[in-house]
Amino acid sequence: MLHMAWANQEIFNEIAKLPDAALEAYVTNEEWQVSVILLHIAKAADSYGCRINGTKFSEFDFPEKMSDIKKLAEKTKNFDTELLNLDLNYQLPLPHLRDQSWLTLWLLN
């Protein structure tokens, strides 16, 4: 998780240096623009913590400019900090909905 927290901040910090137009860039699939990927990273960090803690998912605004990315980076940093502070010295079942079916994933530490 420490590596994930570091990588999340690195990608947000590097993208934030680019012009706003960079948020619309994509490599092969136009649906996965830079803005969508960064929002996905933030939502994933939030949902991971929410599933462990049993808390409600956060609300997110779609990032349209780099100032939005900086706010999203701060939110993600807070989510990652919460994850790093959890005591995960046990096995934890995580219910996960995939293709309209519930699976049980196990978090092992």
N, C-alpha and C. Protein backbone atom coordinates (compact mmCIF):
# COMPACT_ATOMS: atom_id res chain seq x y z
N MET A 1 0.81 -1.19 0.00
CA MET A 1 0.00 0.00 0.00
C MET A 1 0.86 1.26 0.00
N LEU A 2 2.01 1.15 0.59
CA LEU A 2 2.92 2.30 0.61
C LEU A 2 3.33 2.68 -0.81
N HIS A 3 3.60 1.68 -1.63
CA HIS A 3 3.97 1.94 -3.03
C HIS A 3 2.79 2.55 -3.78
N MET A 4 1.58 2.05 -3.54
CA MET A 4 0.40 2.59 -4.21
C MET A 4 0.22 4.06 -3.85
N ALA A 5 0.35 4.41 -2.58
CA ALA A 5 0.21 5.80 -2.15
C ALA A 5 1.25 6.68 -2.83
N TRP A 6 2.48 6.20 -2.89
CA TRP A 6 3.55 6.96 -3.55
C TRP A 6 3.24 7.13 -5.03
N ALA A 7 2.86 6.04 -5.70
CA ALA A 7 2.59 6.08 -7.15
C ALA A 7 1.41 7.00 -7.45
N ASN A 8 0.38 6.95 -6.62
CA ASN A 8 -0.77 7.83 -6.85
C ASN A 8 -0.34 9.30 -6.83
N GLN A 9 0.44 9.67 -5.83
CA GLN A 9 0.87 11.08 -5.74
C GLN A 9 1.81 11.46 -6.88
N GLU A 10 2.66 10.55 -7.28
CA GLU A 10 3.57 10.83 -8.40
C GLU A 10 2.80 11.13 -9.68
N ILE A 11 1.80 10.31 -10.00
CA ILE A 11 1.07 10.51 -11.24
C ILE A 11 0.27 11.81 -11.18
N PHE A 12 -0.38 12.08 -10.05
CA PHE A 12 -1.14 13.33 -9.92
C PHE A 12 -0.22 14.54 -10.02
N ASN A 13 0.92 14.50 -9.34
CA ASN A 13 1.85 15.64 -9.36
C ASN A 13 2.41 15.89 -10.76
N GLU A 14 2.73 14.83 -11.48
CA GLU A 14 3.30 15.01 -12.83
C GLU A 14 2.25 15.51 -13.81
N ILE A 15 1.05 14.97 -13.76
CA ILE A 15 -0.02 15.41 -14.66
C ILE A 15 -0.39 16.86 -14.37
N ALA A 16 -0.40 17.25 -13.10
CA ALA A 16 -0.78 18.61 -12.72
C ALA A 16 0.15 19.67 -13.31
N LYS A 17 1.33 19.28 -13.75
CA LYS A 17 2.28 20.22 -14.36
C LYS A 17 1.92 20.54 -15.82
N LEU A 18 1.03 19.75 -16.40
CA LEU A 18 0.68 19.89 -17.82
C LEU A 18 -0.47 20.90 -18.00
N PRO A 19 -0.68 21.36 -19.24
CA PRO A 19 -1.81 22.26 -19.49
C PRO A 19 -3.15 21.52 -19.35
N ASP A 20 -4.21 22.27 -19.13
CA ASP A 20 -5.55 21.68 -18.96
C ASP A 20 -5.93 20.75 -20.11
N ALA A 21 -5.51 21.07 -21.31
CA ALA A 21 -5.87 20.26 -22.48
C ALA A 21 -5.37 18.83 -22.37
N ALA A 22 -4.34 18.59 -21.56
CA ALA A 22 -3.80 17.24 -21.40
C ALA A 22 -4.82 16.29 -20.76
N LEU A 23 -5.79 16.84 -20.06
CA LEU A 23 -6.80 15.99 -19.41
C LEU A 23 -7.67 15.26 -20.42
N GLU A 24 -7.71 15.74 -21.65
CA GLU A 24 -8.51 15.10 -22.69
C GLU A 24 -7.72 14.09 -23.51
N ALA A 25 -6.43 13.96 -23.21
CA ALA A 25 -5.57 13.04 -23.97
C ALA A 25 -5.90 11.59 -23.63
N TYR A 26 -5.64 10.71 -24.59
CA TYR A 26 -5.80 9.27 -24.38
C TYR A 26 -4.82 8.56 -25.29
N VAL A 27 -4.59 7.28 -25.03
CA VAL A 27 -3.63 6.52 -25.82
C VAL A 27 -4.34 5.69 -26.88
N THR A 28 -5.16 4.77 -26.47
CA THR A 28 -5.80 3.90 -27.47
C THR A 28 -7.33 3.91 -27.39
N ASN A 29 -7.87 4.23 -26.24
CA ASN A 29 -9.32 4.20 -26.06
C ASN A 29 -9.79 5.57 -25.62
N GLU A 30 -10.52 6.21 -26.45
CA GLU A 30 -10.97 7.58 -26.21
C GLU A 30 -11.81 7.72 -24.94
N GLU A 31 -12.43 6.62 -24.49
CA GLU A 31 -13.21 6.67 -23.25
C GLU A 31 -12.33 6.80 -22.01
N TRP A 32 -11.05 6.42 -22.13
CA TRP A 32 -10.13 6.47 -20.99
C TRP A 32 -9.16 7.63 -21.13
N GLN A 33 -9.72 8.83 -21.11
CA GLN A 33 -8.90 10.03 -21.13
C GLN A 33 -8.15 10.16 -19.81
N VAL A 34 -7.14 11.00 -19.81
CA VAL A 34 -6.34 11.22 -18.60
C VAL A 34 -7.24 11.58 -17.42
N SER A 35 -8.20 12.46 -17.62
CA SER A 35 -9.09 12.89 -16.54
C SER A 35 -9.88 11.70 -15.98
N VAL A 36 -10.32 10.81 -16.83
CA VAL A 36 -11.09 9.64 -16.40
C VAL A 36 -10.21 8.69 -15.60
N ILE A 37 -8.98 8.50 -16.05
CA ILE A 37 -8.05 7.60 -15.34
C ILE A 37 -7.74 8.14 -13.95
N LEU A 38 -7.48 9.44 -13.84
CA LEU A 38 -7.17 10.01 -12.53
C LEU A 38 -8.38 9.95 -11.60
N LEU A 39 -9.56 10.17 -12.14
CA LEU A 39 -10.77 10.04 -11.33
C LEU A 39 -10.93 8.59 -10.87
N HIS A 40 -10.63 7.64 -11.75
CA HIS A 40 -10.71 6.22 -11.41
C HIS A 40 -9.74 5.87 -10.27
N ILE A 41 -8.53 6.41 -10.33
CA ILE A 41 -7.54 6.16 -9.27
C ILE A 41 -8.08 6.66 -7.93
N ALA A 42 -8.63 7.88 -7.93
CA ALA A 42 -9.16 8.45 -6.68
C ALA A 42 -10.33 7.63 -6.15
N LYS A 43 -11.25 7.27 -7.04
CA LYS A 43 -12.42 6.49 -6.62
C LYS A 43 -12.01 5.11 -6.12
N ALA A 44 -10.99 4.52 -6.73
CA ALA A 44 -10.53 3.20 -6.30
C ALA A 44 -9.94 3.26 -4.89
N ALA A 45 -9.14 4.28 -4.62
CA ALA A 45 -8.56 4.42 -3.28
C ALA A 45 -9.67 4.62 -2.25
N ASP A 46 -10.66 5.43 -2.59
CA ASP A 46 -11.79 5.67 -1.70
C ASP A 46 -12.59 4.40 -1.47
N SER A 47 -12.95 3.71 -2.54
CA SER A 47 -13.81 2.53 -2.40
C SER A 47 -13.10 1.40 -1.67
N TYR A 48 -11.79 1.29 -1.84
CA TYR A 48 -11.03 0.26 -1.12
C TYR A 48 -11.16 0.49 0.39
N GLY A 49 -10.93 1.72 0.81
CA GLY A 49 -11.06 2.04 2.23
C GLY A 49 -12.48 1.89 2.73
N CYS A 50 -13.45 2.30 1.93
CA CYS A 50 -14.86 2.19 2.33
C CYS A 50 -15.28 0.74 2.50
N ARG A 51 -14.79 -0.13 1.64
CA ARG A 51 -15.15 -1.55 1.76
C ARG A 51 -14.54 -2.16 3.03
N ILE A 52 -13.36 -1.73 3.37
CA ILE A 52 -12.72 -2.24 4.58
C ILE A 52 -13.42 -1.70 5.83
N ASN A 53 -13.70 -0.40 5.83
CA ASN A 53 -14.28 0.25 7.00
C ASN A 53 -15.79 0.18 7.07
N GLY A 54 -16.43 -0.19 5.97
CA GLY A 54 -17.88 -0.21 5.93
C GLY A 54 -18.50 1.17 5.88
N THR A 55 -17.77 2.14 5.36
CA THR A 55 -18.25 3.52 5.28
C THR A 55 -18.80 3.84 3.90
N LYS A 56 -19.46 4.97 3.79
CA LYS A 56 -20.09 5.40 2.56
C LYS A 56 -19.04 5.93 1.57
N PHE A 57 -19.26 5.64 0.29
CA PHE A 57 -18.36 6.15 -0.75
C PHE A 57 -18.45 7.67 -0.82
N SER A 58 -17.34 8.31 -1.18
CA SER A 58 -17.29 9.77 -1.30
C SER A 58 -17.93 10.23 -2.60
N GLU A 59 -18.29 11.50 -2.61
CA GLU A 59 -18.80 12.14 -3.83
C GLU A 59 -17.62 12.75 -4.58
N PHE A 60 -17.67 12.69 -5.90
CA PHE A 60 -16.59 13.23 -6.72
C PHE A 60 -17.17 14.10 -7.83
N ASP A 61 -16.46 15.18 -8.13
CA ASP A 61 -16.77 15.99 -9.31
C ASP A 61 -15.80 15.59 -10.41
N PHE A 62 -16.27 15.63 -11.64
CA PHE A 62 -15.40 15.28 -12.77
C PHE A 62 -14.34 16.37 -12.94
N PRO A 63 -13.06 16.00 -13.02
CA PRO A 63 -11.99 17.01 -13.16
C PRO A 63 -11.93 17.57 -14.58
N GLU A 64 -12.07 18.88 -14.69
CA GLU A 64 -12.06 19.53 -16.00
C GLU A 64 -10.84 20.40 -16.23
N LYS A 65 -10.12 20.73 -15.15
CA LYS A 65 -8.91 21.54 -15.28
C LYS A 65 -7.90 21.10 -14.22
N MET A 66 -6.69 21.57 -14.36
CA MET A 66 -5.62 21.10 -13.47
C MET A 66 -5.86 21.49 -12.01
N SER A 67 -6.56 22.57 -11.77
CA SER A 67 -6.88 22.91 -10.37
C SER A 67 -7.78 21.84 -9.76
N ASP A 68 -8.64 21.23 -10.57
CA ASP A 68 -9.47 20.10 -10.10
C ASP A 68 -8.60 18.89 -9.79
N ILE A 69 -7.57 18.69 -10.60
CA ILE A 69 -6.65 17.56 -10.39
C ILE A 69 -5.90 17.72 -9.08
N LYS A 70 -5.51 18.95 -8.76
CA LYS A 70 -4.81 19.19 -7.49
C LYS A 70 -5.71 18.88 -6.30
N LYS A 71 -7.00 19.21 -6.40
CA LYS A 71 -7.95 18.88 -5.33
C LYS A 71 -8.15 17.36 -5.25
N LEU A 72 -8.23 16.72 -6.40
CA LEU A 72 -8.39 15.27 -6.46
C LEU A 72 -7.16 14.57 -5.88
N ALA A 73 -5.99 15.13 -6.14
CA ALA A 73 -4.74 14.58 -5.58
C ALA A 73 -4.77 14.63 -4.06
N GLU A 74 -5.24 15.74 -3.51
CA GLU A 74 -5.31 15.88 -2.06
C GLU A 74 -6.30 14.89 -1.46
N LYS A 75 -7.45 14.73 -2.12
CA LYS A 75 -8.44 13.74 -1.66
C LYS A 75 -7.83 12.34 -1.67
N THR A 76 -7.14 12.02 -2.76
CA THR A 76 -6.53 10.69 -2.89
C THR A 76 -5.46 10.48 -1.83
N LYS A 77 -4.68 11.51 -1.57
CA LYS A 77 -3.66 11.42 -0.52
C LYS A 77 -4.30 11.10 0.83
N ASN A 78 -5.43 11.73 1.12
CA ASN A 78 -6.14 11.45 2.37
C ASN A 78 -6.66 10.01 2.42
N PHE A 79 -7.20 9.53 1.29
CA PHE A 79 -7.67 8.14 1.23
C PHE A 79 -6.51 7.18 1.47
N ASP A 80 -5.39 7.44 0.80
CA ASP A 80 -4.22 6.56 0.94
C ASP A 80 -3.67 6.59 2.36
N THR A 81 -3.67 7.76 2.99
CA THR A 81 -3.20 7.88 4.37
C THR A 81 -4.09 7.05 5.30
N GLU A 82 -5.40 7.12 5.09
CA GLU A 82 -6.32 6.31 5.89
C GLU A 82 -6.02 4.82 5.71
N LEU A 83 -5.77 4.40 4.48
CA LEU A 83 -5.46 2.99 4.23
C LEU A 83 -4.16 2.58 4.92
N LEU A 84 -3.16 3.44 4.86
CA LEU A 84 -1.88 3.13 5.48
C LEU A 84 -1.98 3.05 7.00
N ASN A 85 -2.95 3.75 7.57
CA ASN A 85 -3.10 3.77 9.03
C ASN A 85 -3.97 2.64 9.56
N LEU A 86 -4.56 1.85 8.69
CA LEU A 86 -5.37 0.73 9.14
C LEU A 86 -4.51 -0.38 9.72
N ASP A 87 -5.03 -1.04 10.69
CA ASP A 87 -4.35 -2.20 11.25
C ASP A 87 -4.88 -3.42 10.49
N LEU A 88 -4.10 -3.89 9.55
CA LEU A 88 -4.55 -4.99 8.69
C LEU A 88 -3.80 -6.28 8.98
N ASN A 89 -3.61 -6.57 10.23
CA ASN A 89 -2.91 -7.79 10.60
C ASN A 89 -3.89 -8.95 10.76
N TYR A 90 -4.78 -9.09 9.82
CA TYR A 90 -5.75 -10.17 9.84
C TYR A 90 -6.25 -10.38 8.42
N GLN A 91 -7.04 -11.43 8.24
CA GLN A 91 -7.67 -11.67 6.94
C GLN A 91 -9.04 -11.03 6.96
N LEU A 92 -9.40 -10.36 5.89
CA LEU A 92 -10.66 -9.63 5.84
C LEU A 92 -11.40 -9.95 4.55
N PRO A 93 -12.63 -10.47 4.65
CA PRO A 93 -13.39 -10.70 3.42
C PRO A 93 -13.95 -9.37 2.90
N LEU A 94 -13.82 -9.15 1.61
CA LEU A 94 -14.34 -7.94 0.98
C LEU A 94 -15.37 -8.32 -0.07
N PRO A 95 -16.65 -8.05 0.18
CA PRO A 95 -17.64 -8.33 -0.86
C PRO A 95 -17.40 -7.42 -2.06
N HIS A 96 -17.51 -7.97 -3.24
CA HIS A 96 -17.21 -7.21 -4.45
C HIS A 96 -18.21 -7.58 -5.53
N LEU A 97 -18.85 -6.58 -6.13
CA LEU A 97 -19.82 -6.81 -7.19
C LEU A 97 -19.12 -6.77 -8.55
N ARG A 98 -19.20 -7.88 -9.28
CA ARG A 98 -18.58 -7.94 -10.61
C ARG A 98 -19.57 -8.62 -11.54
N ASP A 99 -19.88 -7.96 -12.64
CA ASP A 99 -20.80 -8.51 -13.64
C ASP A 99 -22.11 -8.97 -13.01
N GLN A 100 -22.65 -8.15 -12.12
CA GLN A 100 -23.93 -8.38 -11.44
C GLN A 100 -23.92 -9.60 -10.52
N SER A 101 -22.74 -10.07 -10.14
CA SER A 101 -22.63 -11.17 -9.19
C SER A 101 -21.70 -10.76 -8.05
N TRP A 102 -22.05 -11.15 -6.84
CA TRP A 102 -21.20 -10.83 -5.70
C TRP A 102 -20.11 -11.90 -5.53
N LEU A 103 -18.90 -11.43 -5.38
CA LEU A 103 -17.75 -12.29 -5.10
C LEU A 103 -17.20 -11.91 -3.74
N THR A 104 -16.52 -12.80 -3.10
CA THR A 104 -15.82 -12.47 -1.87
C THR A 104 -14.34 -12.49 -2.17
N LEU A 105 -13.73 -11.31 -2.03
CA LEU A 105 -12.28 -11.19 -2.19
C LEU A 105 -11.70 -11.15 -0.80
N TRP A 106 -10.52 -11.67 -0.63
CA TRP A 106 -9.88 -11.69 0.69
C TRP A 106 -8.69 -10.77 0.71
N LEU A 107 -8.68 -9.86 1.66
CA LEU A 107 -7.54 -9.00 1.89
C LEU A 107 -6.63 -9.73 2.88
N LEU A 108 -5.45 -10.03 2.44
CA LEU A 108 -4.51 -10.75 3.30
C LEU A 108 -3.34 -9.84 3.61
N ASN A 109 -2.94 -9.83 4.84
CA ASN A 109 -1.79 -9.02 5.22
C ASN A 109 -0.76 -9.90 5.91
